[in-house]
Amino acid sequence: MDGQRALGRYGEDLATRYLRERGMRILDRNWRCAEGEIDIVALDGDCLVVCEVKTRAGTGVGDPLEAVTHEKARRLRRLAAAYLRSRPGTVPDVRIDVVGVLAERGRRPVLRHVVAVGS
């Protein structure tokens, strides 16, 4: 696995643990369809959460959360709809969250969770 993929996987692992610690139930990780991939699908009470995880080793290219543009949020909404179509009977309440992970070498990772992006 190359460095970028390993860093992304590390961030997704941290985000999964973080979401679980906040009471969410993880339903899927790296769910794929023809339209793309959802990093984490979780249940927060009765709400289905589609979670994008952005991990950076530094801020040279910007904060991890800045990587989720309006276009990316629109794509995540389309992916959420595809996920619901693939799971008949899934909860109708849906939101898009983003977890940004800053994993600088020699420092403790910093996670920031933005709830309901683009709502």
N, C-alpha and C. Protein backbone atom coordinates (compact mmCIF):
# COMPACT_ATOMS: atom_id res chain seq x y z
N MET A 1 0.86 -1.18 0.00
CA MET A 1 0.00 0.00 0.00
C MET A 1 0.90 1.24 0.00
N ASP A 2 0.61 2.19 -0.88
CA ASP A 2 1.45 3.39 -0.93
C ASP A 2 1.15 4.31 0.25
N GLY A 3 2.01 5.31 0.45
CA GLY A 3 1.91 6.20 1.61
C GLY A 3 0.59 6.94 1.71
N GLN A 4 0.09 7.45 0.58
CA GLN A 4 -1.17 8.20 0.58
C GLN A 4 -2.34 7.30 0.98
N ARG A 5 -2.37 6.11 0.41
CA ARG A 5 -3.46 5.18 0.75
C ARG A 5 -3.38 4.75 2.20
N ALA A 6 -2.15 4.50 2.68
CA ALA A 6 -1.98 4.11 4.09
C ALA A 6 -2.43 5.24 5.01
N LEU A 7 -2.10 6.49 4.65
CA LEU A 7 -2.53 7.63 5.45
C LEU A 7 -4.05 7.74 5.46
N GLY A 8 -4.67 7.57 4.29
CA GLY A 8 -6.13 7.61 4.19
C GLY A 8 -6.78 6.53 5.02
N ARG A 9 -6.23 5.33 4.96
CA ARG A 9 -6.76 4.21 5.74
C ARG A 9 -6.65 4.49 7.24
N TYR A 10 -5.50 5.04 7.64
CA TYR A 10 -5.28 5.41 9.04
C TYR A 10 -6.33 6.42 9.49
N GLY A 11 -6.58 7.43 8.69
CA GLY A 11 -7.59 8.44 9.02
C GLY A 11 -8.98 7.84 9.12
N GLU A 12 -9.31 6.95 8.21
CA GLU A 12 -10.63 6.30 8.25
C GLU A 12 -10.77 5.43 9.50
N ASP A 13 -9.70 4.74 9.88
CA ASP A 13 -9.72 3.93 11.11
C ASP A 13 -9.97 4.82 12.33
N LEU A 14 -9.25 5.96 12.40
CA LEU A 14 -9.45 6.89 13.51
C LEU A 14 -10.88 7.44 13.52
N ALA A 15 -11.37 7.82 12.35
CA ALA A 15 -12.72 8.38 12.26
C ALA A 15 -13.77 7.34 12.67
N THR A 16 -13.58 6.10 12.26
CA THR A 16 -14.52 5.03 12.63
C THR A 16 -14.57 4.88 14.14
N ARG A 17 -13.41 4.83 14.77
CA ARG A 17 -13.37 4.71 16.23
C ARG A 17 -14.03 5.92 16.89
N TYR A 18 -13.73 7.11 16.40
CA TYR A 18 -14.31 8.35 16.92
C TYR A 18 -15.85 8.31 16.84
N LEU A 19 -16.38 7.92 15.69
CA LEU A 19 -17.84 7.88 15.53
C LEU A 19 -18.47 6.83 16.45
N ARG A 20 -17.83 5.68 16.57
CA ARG A 20 -18.33 4.64 17.48
C ARG A 20 -18.36 5.15 18.92
N GLU A 21 -17.30 5.86 19.31
CA GLU A 21 -17.23 6.39 20.67
C GLU A 21 -18.34 7.41 20.94
N ARG A 22 -18.88 8.00 19.91
CA ARG A 22 -19.98 8.95 20.04
C ARG A 22 -21.34 8.29 19.85
N GLY A 23 -21.35 6.96 19.89
CA GLY A 23 -22.61 6.23 19.89
C GLY A 23 -23.16 5.85 18.53
N MET A 24 -22.42 6.10 17.47
CA MET A 24 -22.90 5.71 16.14
C MET A 24 -22.59 4.24 15.89
N ARG A 25 -23.47 3.63 15.11
CA ARG A 25 -23.25 2.25 14.70
C ARG A 25 -22.77 2.25 13.26
N ILE A 26 -21.61 1.68 13.02
CA ILE A 26 -21.03 1.64 11.68
C ILE A 26 -21.71 0.53 10.88
N LEU A 27 -22.27 0.90 9.74
CA LEU A 27 -22.94 -0.06 8.87
C LEU A 27 -22.04 -0.55 7.75
N ASP A 28 -21.27 0.35 7.17
CA ASP A 28 -20.40 0.02 6.05
C ASP A 28 -19.17 0.92 6.05
N ARG A 29 -18.10 0.39 5.49
CA ARG A 29 -16.89 1.19 5.23
C ARG A 29 -16.50 0.97 3.79
N ASN A 30 -16.11 2.04 3.13
CA ASN A 30 -15.68 1.98 1.74
C ASN A 30 -16.72 1.32 0.84
N TRP A 31 -17.98 1.74 1.02
CA TRP A 31 -19.07 1.22 0.20
C TRP A 31 -18.96 1.81 -1.20
N ARG A 32 -19.00 0.96 -2.19
CA ARG A 32 -18.81 1.40 -3.58
C ARG A 32 -20.02 1.08 -4.44
N CYS A 33 -20.20 1.97 -5.41
CA CYS A 33 -21.19 1.74 -6.47
C CYS A 33 -20.63 2.40 -7.72
N ALA A 34 -21.40 2.39 -8.79
CA ALA A 34 -20.93 2.98 -10.06
C ALA A 34 -20.64 4.47 -9.93
N GLU A 35 -21.29 5.13 -8.98
CA GLU A 35 -21.14 6.58 -8.83
C GLU A 35 -19.98 6.99 -7.94
N GLY A 36 -19.36 6.04 -7.24
CA GLY A 36 -18.22 6.38 -6.38
C GLY A 36 -18.20 5.57 -5.10
N GLU A 37 -17.61 6.17 -4.08
CA GLU A 37 -17.41 5.46 -2.81
C GLU A 37 -17.77 6.35 -1.63
N ILE A 38 -18.37 5.72 -0.63
CA ILE A 38 -18.65 6.37 0.65
C ILE A 38 -17.66 5.79 1.65
N ASP A 39 -16.92 6.66 2.33
CA ASP A 39 -15.91 6.18 3.29
C ASP A 39 -16.55 5.42 4.45
N ILE A 40 -17.54 6.04 5.09
CA ILE A 40 -18.21 5.41 6.25
C ILE A 40 -19.70 5.67 6.16
N VAL A 41 -20.48 4.62 6.37
CA VAL A 41 -21.93 4.74 6.52
C VAL A 41 -22.25 4.31 7.93
N ALA A 42 -22.98 5.16 8.65
CA ALA A 42 -23.26 4.87 10.06
C ALA A 42 -24.70 5.23 10.38
N LEU A 43 -25.16 4.75 11.52
CA LEU A 43 -26.45 5.14 12.07
C LEU A 43 -26.21 5.95 13.32
N ASP A 44 -26.81 7.13 13.36
CA ASP A 44 -26.77 7.98 14.55
C ASP A 44 -28.21 8.08 15.03
N GLY A 45 -28.58 7.20 15.94
CA GLY A 45 -29.99 7.09 16.33
C GLY A 45 -30.76 6.56 15.14
N ASP A 46 -31.74 7.35 14.67
CA ASP A 46 -32.55 6.95 13.51
C ASP A 46 -32.07 7.60 12.22
N CYS A 47 -30.93 8.24 12.25
CA CYS A 47 -30.42 8.97 11.09
C CYS A 47 -29.28 8.21 10.43
N LEU A 48 -29.39 8.02 9.12
CA LEU A 48 -28.31 7.43 8.36
C LEU A 48 -27.28 8.52 8.08
N VAL A 49 -26.03 8.26 8.40
CA VAL A 49 -24.96 9.24 8.22
C VAL A 49 -23.99 8.74 7.16
N VAL A 50 -23.84 9.54 6.11
CA VAL A 50 -22.83 9.29 5.09
C VAL A 50 -21.66 10.17 5.46
N CYS A 51 -20.52 9.56 5.75
CA CYS A 51 -19.39 10.31 6.29
C CYS A 51 -18.20 10.25 5.35
N GLU A 52 -17.73 11.41 4.95
CA GLU A 52 -16.52 11.54 4.16
C GLU A 52 -15.37 11.81 5.13
N VAL A 53 -14.26 11.12 4.94
CA VAL A 53 -13.09 11.32 5.78
C VAL A 53 -11.97 11.88 4.92
N LYS A 54 -11.40 12.99 5.36
CA LYS A 54 -10.27 13.60 4.67
C LYS A 54 -9.10 13.64 5.63
N THR A 55 -7.98 13.04 5.24
CA THR A 55 -6.81 12.95 6.11
C THR A 55 -5.63 13.64 5.43
N ARG A 56 -4.92 14.42 6.20
CA ARG A 56 -3.72 15.10 5.70
C ARG A 56 -2.59 14.91 6.71
N ALA A 57 -1.36 14.88 6.19
CA ALA A 57 -0.18 14.76 7.05
C ALA A 57 0.32 16.14 7.47
N GLY A 58 -0.25 17.18 6.90
CA GLY A 58 0.12 18.55 7.21
C GLY A 58 -0.86 19.49 6.54
N THR A 59 -0.65 20.77 6.74
CA THR A 59 -1.59 21.75 6.18
C THR A 59 -1.03 22.46 4.94
N GLY A 60 0.04 21.92 4.37
CA GLY A 60 0.65 22.53 3.19
C GLY A 60 -0.30 22.68 2.02
N VAL A 61 -1.24 21.76 1.88
CA VAL A 61 -2.25 21.86 0.81
C VAL A 61 -3.60 22.28 1.38
N GLY A 62 -3.61 22.78 2.62
CA GLY A 62 -4.84 23.23 3.25
C GLY A 62 -5.32 22.29 4.32
N ASP A 63 -6.31 22.76 5.05
CA ASP A 63 -6.95 21.97 6.10
C ASP A 63 -7.69 20.80 5.45
N PRO A 64 -7.72 19.64 6.10
CA PRO A 64 -8.42 18.50 5.51
C PRO A 64 -9.88 18.80 5.17
N LEU A 65 -10.55 19.58 5.99
CA LEU A 65 -11.97 19.87 5.74
C LEU A 65 -12.18 20.72 4.49
N GLU A 66 -11.17 21.50 4.12
CA GLU A 66 -11.28 22.33 2.92
C GLU A 66 -11.37 21.50 1.65
N ALA A 67 -11.00 20.23 1.72
CA ALA A 67 -11.03 19.37 0.55
C ALA A 67 -12.45 18.98 0.15
N VAL A 68 -13.42 19.23 1.01
CA VAL A 68 -14.81 18.89 0.68
C VAL A 68 -15.49 20.15 0.13
N THR A 69 -15.52 20.20 -1.19
CA THR A 69 -16.09 21.34 -1.90
C THR A 69 -17.61 21.16 -2.05
N HIS A 70 -18.27 22.18 -2.60
CA HIS A 70 -19.71 22.06 -2.85
C HIS A 70 -19.99 20.91 -3.81
N GLU A 71 -19.14 20.76 -4.82
CA GLU A 71 -19.32 19.66 -5.78
C GLU A 71 -19.18 18.31 -5.08
N LYS A 72 -18.21 18.19 -4.19
CA LYS A 72 -18.02 16.94 -3.44
C LYS A 72 -19.23 16.66 -2.56
N ALA A 73 -19.79 17.69 -1.93
CA ALA A 73 -20.99 17.52 -1.10
C ALA A 73 -22.17 17.05 -1.96
N ARG A 74 -22.30 17.60 -3.16
CA ARG A 74 -23.38 17.15 -4.08
C ARG A 74 -23.18 15.69 -4.44
N ARG A 75 -21.93 15.31 -4.73
CA ARG A 75 -21.66 13.91 -5.07
C ARG A 75 -21.98 13.00 -3.89
N LEU A 76 -21.68 13.44 -2.68
CA LEU A 76 -22.00 12.64 -1.49
C LEU A 76 -23.51 12.46 -1.33
N ARG A 77 -24.28 13.49 -1.66
CA ARG A 77 -25.75 13.35 -1.61
C ARG A 77 -26.22 12.32 -2.64
N ARG A 78 -25.63 12.34 -3.83
CA ARG A 78 -25.99 11.34 -4.85
C ARG A 78 -25.60 9.93 -4.37
N LEU A 79 -24.45 9.81 -3.75
CA LEU A 79 -24.03 8.51 -3.22
C LEU A 79 -24.95 8.04 -2.10
N ALA A 80 -25.40 8.98 -1.25
CA ALA A 80 -26.34 8.62 -0.18
C ALA A 80 -27.63 8.06 -0.79
N ALA A 81 -28.12 8.71 -1.85
CA ALA A 81 -29.34 8.23 -2.52
C ALA A 81 -29.11 6.84 -3.11
N ALA A 82 -27.95 6.60 -3.70
CA ALA A 82 -27.63 5.28 -4.25
C ALA A 82 -27.57 4.24 -3.14
N TYR A 83 -26.99 4.61 -2.00
CA TYR A 83 -26.93 3.68 -0.87
C TYR A 83 -28.34 3.31 -0.41
N LEU A 84 -29.21 4.30 -0.30
CA LEU A 84 -30.59 4.03 0.13
C LEU A 84 -31.32 3.13 -0.86
N ARG A 85 -31.09 3.36 -2.15
CA ARG A 85 -31.72 2.51 -3.16
C ARG A 85 -31.24 1.06 -3.04
N SER A 86 -29.99 0.88 -2.61
CA SER A 86 -29.43 -0.48 -2.51
C SER A 86 -29.88 -1.20 -1.25
N ARG A 87 -30.49 -0.47 -0.32
CA ARG A 87 -30.90 -1.03 0.97
C ARG A 87 -32.36 -0.69 1.23
N PRO A 88 -33.29 -1.39 0.57
CA PRO A 88 -34.71 -1.08 0.81
C PRO A 88 -35.04 -1.16 2.30
N GLY A 89 -35.83 -0.21 2.75
CA GLY A 89 -36.24 -0.19 4.14
C GLY A 89 -35.27 0.56 5.04
N THR A 90 -34.21 1.12 4.47
CA THR A 90 -33.25 1.89 5.27
C THR A 90 -33.92 3.17 5.76
N VAL A 91 -33.46 3.66 6.87
CA VAL A 91 -33.99 4.86 7.51
C VAL A 91 -34.01 6.03 6.51
N PRO A 92 -35.14 6.76 6.43
CA PRO A 92 -35.23 7.85 5.46
C PRO A 92 -34.48 9.13 5.86
N ASP A 93 -34.20 9.31 7.15
CA ASP A 93 -33.46 10.48 7.60
C ASP A 93 -32.00 10.30 7.27
N VAL A 94 -31.43 11.23 6.50
CA VAL A 94 -30.04 11.09 6.04
C VAL A 94 -29.32 12.41 6.24
N ARG A 95 -28.05 12.33 6.63
CA ARG A 95 -27.23 13.54 6.66
C ARG A 95 -25.82 13.20 6.18
N ILE A 96 -25.13 14.23 5.75
CA ILE A 96 -23.76 14.10 5.27
C ILE A 96 -22.84 14.75 6.32
N ASP A 97 -21.89 14.00 6.84
CA ASP A 97 -20.90 14.51 7.78
C ASP A 97 -19.51 14.40 7.14
N VAL A 98 -18.61 15.20 7.66
CA VAL A 98 -17.20 15.12 7.24
C VAL A 98 -16.34 15.06 8.48
N VAL A 99 -15.37 14.16 8.47
CA VAL A 99 -14.37 14.12 9.53
C VAL A 99 -13.03 14.45 8.89
N GLY A 100 -12.41 15.51 9.38
CA GLY A 100 -11.08 15.88 8.94
C GLY A 100 -10.06 15.38 9.94
N VAL A 101 -9.02 14.75 9.45
CA VAL A 101 -7.97 14.21 10.31
C VAL A 101 -6.64 14.85 9.91
N LEU A 102 -6.04 15.52 10.85
CA LEU A 102 -4.70 16.08 10.64
C LEU A 102 -3.73 15.20 11.41
N ALA A 103 -2.91 14.44 10.66
CA ALA A 103 -2.02 13.44 11.26
C ALA A 103 -0.57 13.84 10.99
N GLU A 104 -0.12 14.86 11.69
CA GLU A 104 1.24 15.34 11.51
C GLU A 104 2.21 14.42 12.25
N ARG A 105 3.33 14.13 11.60
CA ARG A 105 4.35 13.24 12.17
C ARG A 105 4.81 13.78 13.52
N GLY A 106 4.87 12.87 14.51
CA GLY A 106 5.36 13.23 15.83
C GLY A 106 4.34 13.92 16.72
N ARG A 107 3.13 14.10 16.21
CA ARG A 107 2.07 14.74 17.00
C ARG A 107 0.85 13.83 17.07
N ARG A 108 0.06 14.08 18.08
CA ARG A 108 -1.21 13.37 18.21
C ARG A 108 -2.16 13.80 17.10
N PRO A 109 -2.86 12.87 16.46
CA PRO A 109 -3.79 13.26 15.39
C PRO A 109 -4.90 14.16 15.94
N VAL A 110 -5.33 15.09 15.12
CA VAL A 110 -6.42 16.00 15.47
C VAL A 110 -7.59 15.69 14.55
N LEU A 111 -8.75 15.39 15.15
CA LEU A 111 -9.96 15.12 14.38
C LEU A 111 -10.95 16.26 14.55
N ARG A 112 -11.56 16.66 13.45
CA ARG A 112 -12.64 17.65 13.48
C ARG A 112 -13.82 17.06 12.73
N HIS A 113 -14.97 17.12 13.37
CA HIS A 113 -16.19 16.51 12.84
C HIS A 113 -17.18 17.62 12.50
N VAL A 114 -17.56 17.70 11.24
CA VAL A 114 -18.57 18.66 10.80
C VAL A 114 -19.83 17.87 10.50
N VAL A 115 -20.90 18.21 11.21
CA VAL A 115 -22.18 17.50 11.08
C VAL A 115 -23.07 18.22 10.08
N ALA A 116 -23.72 17.44 9.23
CA ALA A 116 -24.73 17.96 8.29
C ALA A 116 -24.15 19.00 7.34
N VAL A 117 -23.17 18.59 6.57
CA VAL A 117 -22.55 19.45 5.57
C VAL A 117 -23.57 19.74 4.46
N GLY A 118 -23.67 20.99 4.09
CA GLY A 118 -24.52 21.37 2.96
C GLY A 118 -26.00 21.24 3.21
N SER A 119 -26.41 21.18 4.46
CA SER A 119 -27.85 21.06 4.76
C SER A 119 -28.51 22.42 4.77
